[in-house]
Protein backbone atom coordinates (compact mmCIF):
# COMPACT_ATOMS: atom_id res chain seq x y z
CA MET A 1 113.93 -56.48 -38.75
CA PRO A 2 112.22 -55.23 -41.92
CA VAL A 3 112.70 -51.60 -42.86
CA VAL A 4 109.56 -49.50 -42.48
CA SER A 5 109.19 -46.56 -44.83
CA PHE A 6 108.46 -43.25 -43.16
CA TYR A 7 107.40 -41.68 -46.43
CA PRO A 8 104.08 -40.00 -45.49
CA PHE A 9 101.96 -41.57 -48.22
CA HIS A 10 102.79 -45.08 -46.99
CA LEU A 11 101.61 -44.14 -43.51
CA PHE A 12 98.14 -43.11 -44.67
CA SER A 13 97.37 -46.75 -45.42
CA LEU A 14 98.22 -48.01 -41.91
CA SER A 15 94.65 -48.46 -40.74
CA SER A 16 93.96 -51.06 -43.41
CA HIS A 17 97.28 -52.88 -42.84
CA PRO A 18 97.67 -54.11 -39.26
CA GLU A 19 101.03 -55.70 -40.13
CA LYS A 20 102.44 -52.33 -41.26
CA GLN A 21 101.16 -50.73 -38.07
CA ARG A 22 102.75 -53.49 -35.94
CA LEU A 23 106.10 -53.10 -37.71
CA LEU A 24 106.01 -49.34 -37.33
CA THR A 25 105.19 -49.66 -33.62
CA GLU A 26 108.03 -52.12 -33.09
CA GLY A 27 110.40 -49.81 -34.94
CA LEU A 28 109.36 -46.81 -32.90
CA ILE A 29 109.75 -48.70 -29.62
CA GLU A 30 113.40 -49.26 -30.50
CA TYR A 31 113.89 -45.48 -30.63
CA GLY A 32 112.44 -44.98 -27.14
CA LEU A 33 111.37 -41.42 -26.42
CA TRP A 34 112.31 -40.24 -29.92
CA GLY A 35 110.02 -42.88 -31.38
CA LEU A 36 107.29 -41.85 -28.94
CA PHE A 37 107.71 -38.24 -30.04
CA LEU A 38 107.32 -39.22 -33.71
CA ALA A 39 104.33 -41.44 -32.97
CA SER A 40 102.65 -38.67 -30.98
CA PHE A 41 103.33 -36.17 -33.74
CA LEU A 42 101.84 -38.49 -36.36
CA ALA A 43 98.83 -39.24 -34.17
CA ALA A 44 97.99 -35.52 -34.13
CA THR A 45 97.64 -35.58 -37.91
CA VAL A 46 95.30 -37.72 -39.97
CA VAL A 47 97.73 -40.64 -39.87
CA PRO A 48 95.82 -43.40 -38.05
CA PHE A 49 98.30 -44.24 -35.33
CA SER A 50 97.93 -44.86 -31.60
CA SER A 51 100.52 -42.97 -29.62
CA GLU A 52 98.77 -44.11 -26.44
CA ALA A 53 99.63 -47.73 -27.16
CA LEU A 54 103.29 -46.85 -27.65
CA LEU A 55 103.25 -44.73 -24.47
CA THR A 56 101.85 -47.69 -22.53
CA LEU A 57 104.41 -50.10 -23.99
CA LEU A 58 107.33 -47.82 -23.20
CA ILE A 59 106.25 -47.09 -19.63
CA ALA A 60 105.47 -50.75 -18.99
CA GLY A 61 108.94 -51.52 -20.36
CA GLY A 62 110.62 -49.31 -17.78
CA THR A 63 110.64 -45.81 -19.28
CA ASP A 64 110.13 -43.11 -16.64
CA PRO A 65 106.46 -41.98 -16.89
CA LEU A 66 107.07 -38.22 -16.49
CA PRO A 67 109.42 -37.82 -19.47
CA ALA A 68 107.23 -40.19 -21.50
CA VAL A 69 104.09 -38.11 -20.84
CA LEU A 70 105.97 -34.87 -21.54
CA VAL A 71 107.46 -36.21 -24.80
CA SER A 72 104.04 -37.53 -25.92
CA THR A 73 102.48 -34.18 -25.14
CA ALA A 74 105.18 -32.24 -27.01
CA GLY A 75 104.95 -34.42 -30.11
CA ASN A 76 101.17 -34.39 -30.17
CA TRP A 77 101.03 -30.63 -29.56
CA LEU A 78 103.52 -29.90 -32.35
CA GLY A 79 101.55 -32.18 -34.68
CA GLY A 80 98.36 -30.31 -33.81
CA MET A 81 100.05 -26.96 -34.30
CA SER A 82 101.31 -28.11 -37.71
CA SER A 83 97.68 -28.79 -38.69
CA TYR A 84 96.78 -25.33 -37.33
CA THR A 85 99.60 -23.82 -39.43
CA ILE A 86 98.37 -25.53 -42.59
CA GLY A 87 94.94 -24.06 -41.91
CA TYR A 88 96.47 -20.67 -41.16
CA LEU A 89 98.29 -20.67 -44.47
CA GLY A 90 94.91 -21.34 -46.05
CA LYS A 91 95.93 -23.57 -48.93
CA TRP A 92 92.87 -25.73 -49.61
CA GLU A 93 94.92 -27.98 -51.85
CA TRP A 94 97.22 -28.87 -48.92
CA ILE A 95 94.35 -29.37 -46.52
CA GLU A 96 92.47 -31.70 -48.85
CA LYS A 97 95.55 -33.53 -50.12
CA TYR A 98 97.64 -34.00 -46.98
CA LEU A 99 95.08 -33.82 -44.19
CA ARG A 100 92.23 -35.32 -46.20
CA ILE A 101 89.71 -32.87 -44.78
CA LYS A 102 87.05 -31.72 -47.22
CA ARG A 103 86.16 -28.04 -47.49
CA GLY A 104 82.51 -28.78 -46.72
CA THR A 105 83.49 -30.34 -43.40
CA LEU A 106 85.34 -27.20 -42.33
CA ASP A 107 82.53 -24.96 -43.58
CA LYS A 108 80.12 -26.90 -41.38
CA TRP A 109 82.30 -26.31 -38.30
CA HIS A 110 83.13 -22.65 -39.04
CA HIS A 111 80.50 -21.03 -36.81
CA ARG A 112 81.13 -23.39 -33.90
CA LEU A 113 84.88 -22.90 -34.05
CA TYR A 114 84.65 -19.14 -34.33
CA LYS A 115 82.68 -18.68 -31.11
CA ARG A 116 84.51 -21.22 -28.96
CA GLY A 117 88.06 -21.35 -30.31
CA ALA A 118 89.89 -22.06 -27.04
CA LEU A 119 87.51 -24.89 -26.16
CA PHE A 120 87.97 -26.51 -29.56
CA ALA A 121 91.75 -26.08 -29.33
CA PHE A 122 91.60 -27.84 -25.94
CA LEU A 123 89.57 -30.66 -27.54
CA SER A 124 91.82 -31.02 -30.59
CA TRP A 125 93.11 -34.33 -29.17
CA LEU A 126 89.77 -36.01 -29.94
CA PRO A 127 89.99 -38.74 -32.58
CA GLY A 128 88.38 -37.96 -35.92
CA VAL A 129 87.39 -34.35 -35.31
CA GLY A 130 90.51 -33.00 -33.60
CA ASP A 131 92.31 -32.49 -36.91
CA VAL A 132 89.33 -30.57 -38.26
CA PHE A 133 89.35 -28.39 -35.14
CA ALA A 134 93.05 -27.57 -35.51
CA VAL A 135 92.85 -26.79 -39.24
CA GLY A 136 89.62 -24.82 -38.79
CA LEU A 137 91.15 -22.70 -36.02
CA GLY A 138 94.04 -21.93 -38.36
CA LEU A 139 91.72 -20.98 -41.20
CA LEU A 140 89.84 -18.67 -38.84
CA ARG A 141 93.15 -17.11 -37.77
CA SER A 142 92.30 -17.74 -34.13
CA ASN A 143 94.57 -16.16 -31.54
CA ILE A 144 97.84 -18.11 -31.76
CA PRO A 145 98.92 -17.94 -28.08
CA ILE A 146 95.45 -18.84 -26.78
CA THR A 147 95.11 -21.67 -29.30
CA ALA A 148 98.60 -22.99 -28.54
CA ILE A 149 98.12 -22.92 -24.75
CA ALA A 150 94.64 -24.47 -24.86
CA MET A 151 95.82 -27.17 -27.27
CA LEU A 152 98.87 -27.93 -25.11
CA ALA A 153 96.71 -28.19 -21.97
CA GLY A 154 94.25 -30.57 -23.65
CA LYS A 155 96.93 -32.83 -25.06
CA PHE A 156 98.83 -32.93 -21.75
CA LEU A 157 95.67 -33.85 -19.87
CA ARG A 158 94.96 -36.57 -22.44
CA TYR A 159 98.26 -38.35 -21.76
CA VAL A 160 98.09 -37.90 -17.99
CA ILE A 161 94.60 -39.41 -17.93
CA TRP A 162 95.68 -42.21 -20.27
CA GLY A 163 98.64 -43.02 -18.02
CA TRP A 164 96.42 -42.93 -14.95
CA LEU A 165 93.72 -45.14 -16.51
CA SER A 166 96.33 -47.65 -17.60
CA GLY A 167 97.73 -47.69 -14.06
CA LEU A 168 101.16 -46.54 -15.18
CA VAL A 169 101.17 -42.92 -13.94
CA PHE A 170 100.52 -41.95 -10.30
């Protein structure tokens, strides 16, 4: 089995390299729930990775659905909270360099995020805009406990619904 580099800059190019993504997925499957945790964490950042696919593969392969959903939720939530923390620290260089979110994009969302922070934290699982929501909430210094709970609830519901739609949970 080829060695897959986990150096973050190699991961940013996954979307344009299906072979790299396949190798990474295969490698993460071998680590079971730990691999699922890592995949879920990465999926909550701007790394284009499908933690849902890995969740499905693991459950279909015999992993108990409840721990799999809980591990996916924990990894994805911690990944989202890391994006929130980067926003909270307010270093534009980090946000643009590591999260690849332009300042103009966050400026555009500022007013919307400010008025409905808990809703946007709940929706931070959405592809494409979820990272912007998490970073923006951090920049706005939104209430940490409310943001954390709303984000956790949204990400948990995401994986429960995914498991249900794929026929693997319930």
